Amino acid sequence: MITFETSDEKEVQRFRIAQLNGRPTTVKSGERTVTGHVRSVLERKSSVPQCWTVTIVPSAPKSMPAIPRSTPRFSSFVEEDFY
């Protein structure tokens, strides 16, 4: 799990929406980019200005398919000659 703090309200709103919908989100921190699901968004009430702690569970990167897809067996948008 990755935990970081942010004070950007728009970013926090994006994380909350991703958490509600169960969608993965991408976070870029310096040179590191992490994609995963938001586990929690907590507001630190004692901080001025407002600050939130976000916890993200990283997901495994998608692997490329080993075999390329074959060409379609029919072409539905190609005009055929019917004489």
Protein backbone atom coordinates (compact mmCIF):
# COMPACT_ATOMS: atom_id res chain seq x y z
CA MET A 1 0.00 0.00 0.00
CA ILE A 2 1.10 3.51 -0.75
CA THR A 3 0.15 6.38 1.54
CA PHE A 4 0.66 10.05 0.73
CA GLU A 5 -0.69 13.44 1.73
CA THR A 6 -2.25 16.09 -0.46
CA SER A 7 -3.92 19.44 0.04
CA ASP A 8 -5.42 19.69 -3.46
CA GLU A 9 -9.23 19.52 -3.12
CA LYS A 10 -9.79 18.62 -6.79
CA GLU A 11 -7.40 15.69 -6.52
CA VAL A 12 -9.12 14.50 -3.34
CA GLN A 13 -12.50 14.68 -5.07
CA ARG A 14 -11.12 12.59 -7.95
CA PHE A 15 -9.84 9.97 -5.47
CA ARG A 16 -13.18 9.82 -3.66
CA ILE A 17 -15.09 9.32 -6.92
CA ALA A 18 -12.67 6.58 -8.00
CA GLN A 19 -13.09 4.89 -4.61
CA LEU A 20 -16.89 5.09 -4.80
CA ASN A 21 -17.01 3.64 -8.34
CA GLY A 22 -14.30 1.03 -7.73
CA ARG A 23 -12.13 2.33 -10.57
CA PRO A 24 -8.35 2.35 -10.49
CA THR A 25 -6.60 5.71 -10.39
CA THR A 26 -3.11 6.86 -11.29
CA VAL A 27 -0.92 8.96 -9.02
CA LYS A 28 2.33 10.60 -10.08
CA SER A 29 4.71 11.56 -7.34
CA GLY A 30 8.01 12.89 -8.61
CA GLU A 31 9.43 10.28 -10.98
CA ARG A 32 7.23 7.46 -9.67
CA THR A 33 3.82 6.64 -11.17
CA VAL A 34 1.46 4.25 -9.36
CA THR A 35 -1.86 2.86 -10.58
CA GLY A 36 -4.23 1.17 -8.15
CA HIS A 37 -7.46 1.27 -6.20
CA VAL A 38 -8.12 3.88 -3.51
CA ARG A 39 -8.51 2.24 -0.12
CA SER A 40 -9.11 5.31 2.03
CA VAL A 41 -9.23 9.10 2.00
CA LEU A 42 -8.89 10.62 5.47
CA GLU A 43 -8.96 14.31 6.37
CA ARG A 44 -6.46 15.51 8.96
CA LYS A 45 -8.58 17.88 11.03
CA SER A 46 -5.69 19.36 12.98
CA SER A 47 -3.84 20.70 9.92
CA VAL A 48 -4.10 24.20 8.49
CA PRO A 49 -4.60 24.37 5.49
CA GLN A 50 -6.72 21.26 5.00
CA CYS A 51 -4.75 18.10 4.30
CA TRP A 52 -5.88 14.60 3.34
CA THR A 53 -4.13 11.25 3.67
CA VAL A 54 -4.80 8.93 0.72
CA THR A 55 -4.04 5.21 0.74
CA ILE A 56 -3.78 3.36 -2.60
CA VAL A 57 -3.41 -0.37 -3.15
CA PRO A 58 -1.28 -0.83 -6.29
CA SER A 59 -2.57 -3.16 -8.98
CA ALA A 60 -0.41 -5.46 -11.08
CA PRO A 61 0.55 -4.10 -14.51
CA LYS A 62 -1.35 -5.51 -17.45
CA SER A 63 0.59 -7.98 -19.54
CA MET A 64 0.73 -7.86 -23.32
CA PRO A 65 -1.01 -10.69 -25.18
CA ALA A 66 1.45 -13.33 -26.38
CA ILE A 67 -0.34 -14.03 -29.65
CA PRO A 68 -1.43 -11.10 -31.83
CA ARG A 69 -5.07 -11.01 -32.80
CA SER A 70 -5.97 -12.52 -36.14
CA THR A 71 -7.68 -10.51 -38.86
CA PRO A 72 -11.48 -10.53 -38.89
CA ARG A 73 -13.11 -13.39 -40.79
CA PHE A 74 -15.61 -11.11 -42.45
CA SER A 75 -15.60 -7.46 -43.36
CA SER A 76 -18.98 -5.94 -42.70
CA PHE A 77 -18.26 -2.50 -44.10
CA VAL A 78 -16.64 -3.49 -47.39
CA GLU A 79 -18.83 -3.34 -50.47
CA GLU A 80 -19.01 -6.57 -52.36
CA ASP A 81 -19.65 -6.88 -56.08
CA PHE A 82 -23.02 -8.45 -56.74
CA TYR A 83 -23.48 -8.62 -60.51
